[in-house]
């Protein structure tokens, strides 16, 4: 999992977690807590804009709002964002990005999925 604060993101790996041939891929994805930290694990990230994306998060103590910017989507298109199975509609901007502001943050693990 990556750990994110309002001004940095960090991925820490041990030698055992890096077998020969491993690599890290950048994603068009930002997670920005108001304060504190958030642990983030991407579970699904399909680059074709018609396929889904998913991640899980766990907020640290004191975090009350998390903003997510999800890219690699079709521009000006309606998507469903599922938070723990509950759907809300969002429309991407001209760059194919959805901005989600979650204000009901807890320290429990939270699952997000984005699909057409």
Protein backbone atom coordinates (compact mmCIF):
# COMPACT_ATOMS: atom_id res chain seq x y z
CA UNK A 1 0.00 0.00 0.00
CA UNK A 2 1.04 3.59 -0.56
CA UNK A 3 0.81 6.12 2.25
CA UNK A 4 -0.43 9.57 1.29
CA UNK A 5 -0.52 12.91 3.12
CA UNK A 6 -1.79 16.25 1.90
CA UNK A 7 1.62 17.05 0.36
CA UNK A 8 3.39 13.75 -0.44
CA UNK A 9 2.95 10.12 -1.38
CA UNK A 10 5.25 7.31 -0.29
CA UNK A 11 5.60 3.65 -1.22
CA UNK A 12 7.85 1.55 1.02
CA UNK A 13 8.93 -1.91 -0.08
CA UNK A 14 11.12 -4.44 1.70
CA UNK A 15 13.69 -6.54 -0.14
CA UNK A 16 11.35 -9.54 0.16
CA UNK A 17 8.59 -7.61 -1.61
CA UNK A 18 10.78 -6.85 -4.63
CA UNK A 19 11.44 -10.09 -6.53
CA UNK A 20 13.60 -10.01 -9.66
CA UNK A 21 11.85 -8.21 -12.48
CA UNK A 22 9.54 -6.04 -10.36
CA UNK A 23 8.54 -2.54 -11.39
CA UNK A 24 6.35 0.29 -10.15
CA UNK A 25 3.74 1.81 -12.46
CA UNK A 26 2.51 5.38 -12.21
CA UNK A 27 -1.27 5.89 -12.43
CA UNK A 28 -3.39 8.92 -13.27
CA UNK A 29 -4.72 8.92 -9.72
CA UNK A 30 -4.41 11.29 -6.77
CA UNK A 31 -5.51 10.81 -3.17
CA UNK A 32 -5.42 13.94 -1.02
CA UNK A 33 -6.47 13.88 2.66
CA UNK A 34 -7.36 17.11 4.45
CA UNK A 35 -4.97 16.18 7.29
CA UNK A 36 -3.21 13.06 8.48
CA UNK A 37 -2.51 10.05 6.30
CA UNK A 38 -4.33 7.59 4.05
CA UNK A 39 -3.16 4.11 3.05
CA UNK A 40 -4.12 3.33 -0.54
CA UNK A 41 -3.99 0.08 -2.52
CA UNK A 42 -5.05 0.01 -6.18
CA UNK A 43 -6.95 -3.21 -6.80
CA UNK A 44 -7.91 -2.73 -10.47
CA UNK A 45 -6.63 -0.22 -13.00
CA UNK A 46 -7.64 -0.87 -16.59
CA UNK A 47 -6.27 1.72 -19.02
CA UNK A 48 -9.03 1.31 -21.64
CA UNK A 49 -11.59 3.94 -20.68
CA UNK A 50 -14.48 1.47 -20.89
CA UNK A 51 -13.04 -0.81 -18.20
CA UNK A 52 -13.10 -0.32 -14.45
CA UNK A 53 -10.81 1.01 -11.80
CA UNK A 54 -10.77 0.19 -8.11
CA UNK A 55 -8.89 0.86 -4.90
CA UNK A 56 -9.15 0.48 -1.15
CA UNK A 57 -8.26 3.14 1.40
CA UNK A 58 -7.80 3.36 5.13
CA UNK A 59 -7.68 6.79 6.70
CA UNK A 60 -5.45 7.61 9.62
CA UNK A 61 -6.50 9.27 12.85
CA UNK A 62 -7.76 12.80 12.30
CA UNK A 63 -8.49 12.52 8.56
CA UNK A 64 -12.03 13.74 7.91
CA UNK A 65 -12.07 14.47 4.16
CA UNK A 66 -10.32 12.73 1.25
CA UNK A 67 -10.32 14.03 -2.32
CA UNK A 68 -9.74 11.51 -5.11
CA UNK A 69 -8.85 12.47 -8.69
CA UNK A 70 -9.33 9.48 -10.98
CA UNK A 71 -8.03 9.71 -14.54
CA UNK A 72 -7.64 7.44 -17.58
CA UNK A 73 -11.38 7.74 -18.22
CA UNK A 74 -13.33 8.90 -21.28
CA UNK A 75 -13.89 12.70 -21.39
CA UNK A 76 -17.35 14.11 -20.61
CA UNK A 77 -18.78 10.69 -19.76
CA UNK A 78 -21.02 9.54 -16.91
CA UNK A 79 -19.51 6.86 -14.63
CA UNK A 80 -20.78 5.09 -11.53
CA UNK A 81 -18.56 5.32 -8.47
CA UNK A 82 -19.25 2.63 -5.88
CA UNK A 83 -18.17 3.27 -2.29
CA UNK A 84 -18.56 0.05 -0.31
CA UNK A 85 -21.15 -1.05 -2.87
CA UNK A 86 -23.26 2.14 -2.89
CA UNK A 87 -23.34 3.86 -6.30
CA UNK A 88 -23.18 7.58 -7.09
CA UNK A 89 -23.03 9.08 -10.60
CA UNK A 90 -20.12 11.32 -11.62
CA UNK A 91 -19.28 12.94 -14.94
CA UNK A 92 -15.69 13.21 -16.09
CA UNK A 93 -14.24 16.55 -17.15
CA UNK A 94 -12.81 17.32 -20.61
CA UNK A 95 -9.57 15.52 -19.61
CA UNK A 96 -11.31 12.30 -18.54
CA UNK A 97 -10.92 12.91 -14.80
CA UNK A 98 -13.48 12.47 -12.01
CA UNK A 99 -13.02 14.38 -8.75
CA UNK A 100 -14.59 12.68 -5.72
CA UNK A 101 -14.69 14.36 -2.32
CA UNK A 102 -15.44 11.89 0.48
CA UNK A 103 -16.54 13.67 3.65
CA UNK A 104 -17.78 10.59 5.55
CA UNK A 105 -14.31 9.22 6.28
CA UNK A 106 -13.65 6.63 9.00
CA UNK A 107 -10.63 4.53 9.90
CA UNK A 108 -12.32 1.44 8.46
CA UNK A 109 -11.13 0.01 5.14
CA UNK A 110 -13.19 1.56 2.34
CA UNK A 111 -13.55 0.06 -1.14
CA UNK A 112 -14.08 2.17 -4.27
CA UNK A 113 -14.87 1.04 -7.82
CA UNK A 114 -15.44 3.11 -10.95
CA UNK A 115 -17.36 1.70 -13.93
CA UNK A 116 -19.48 2.82 -16.86
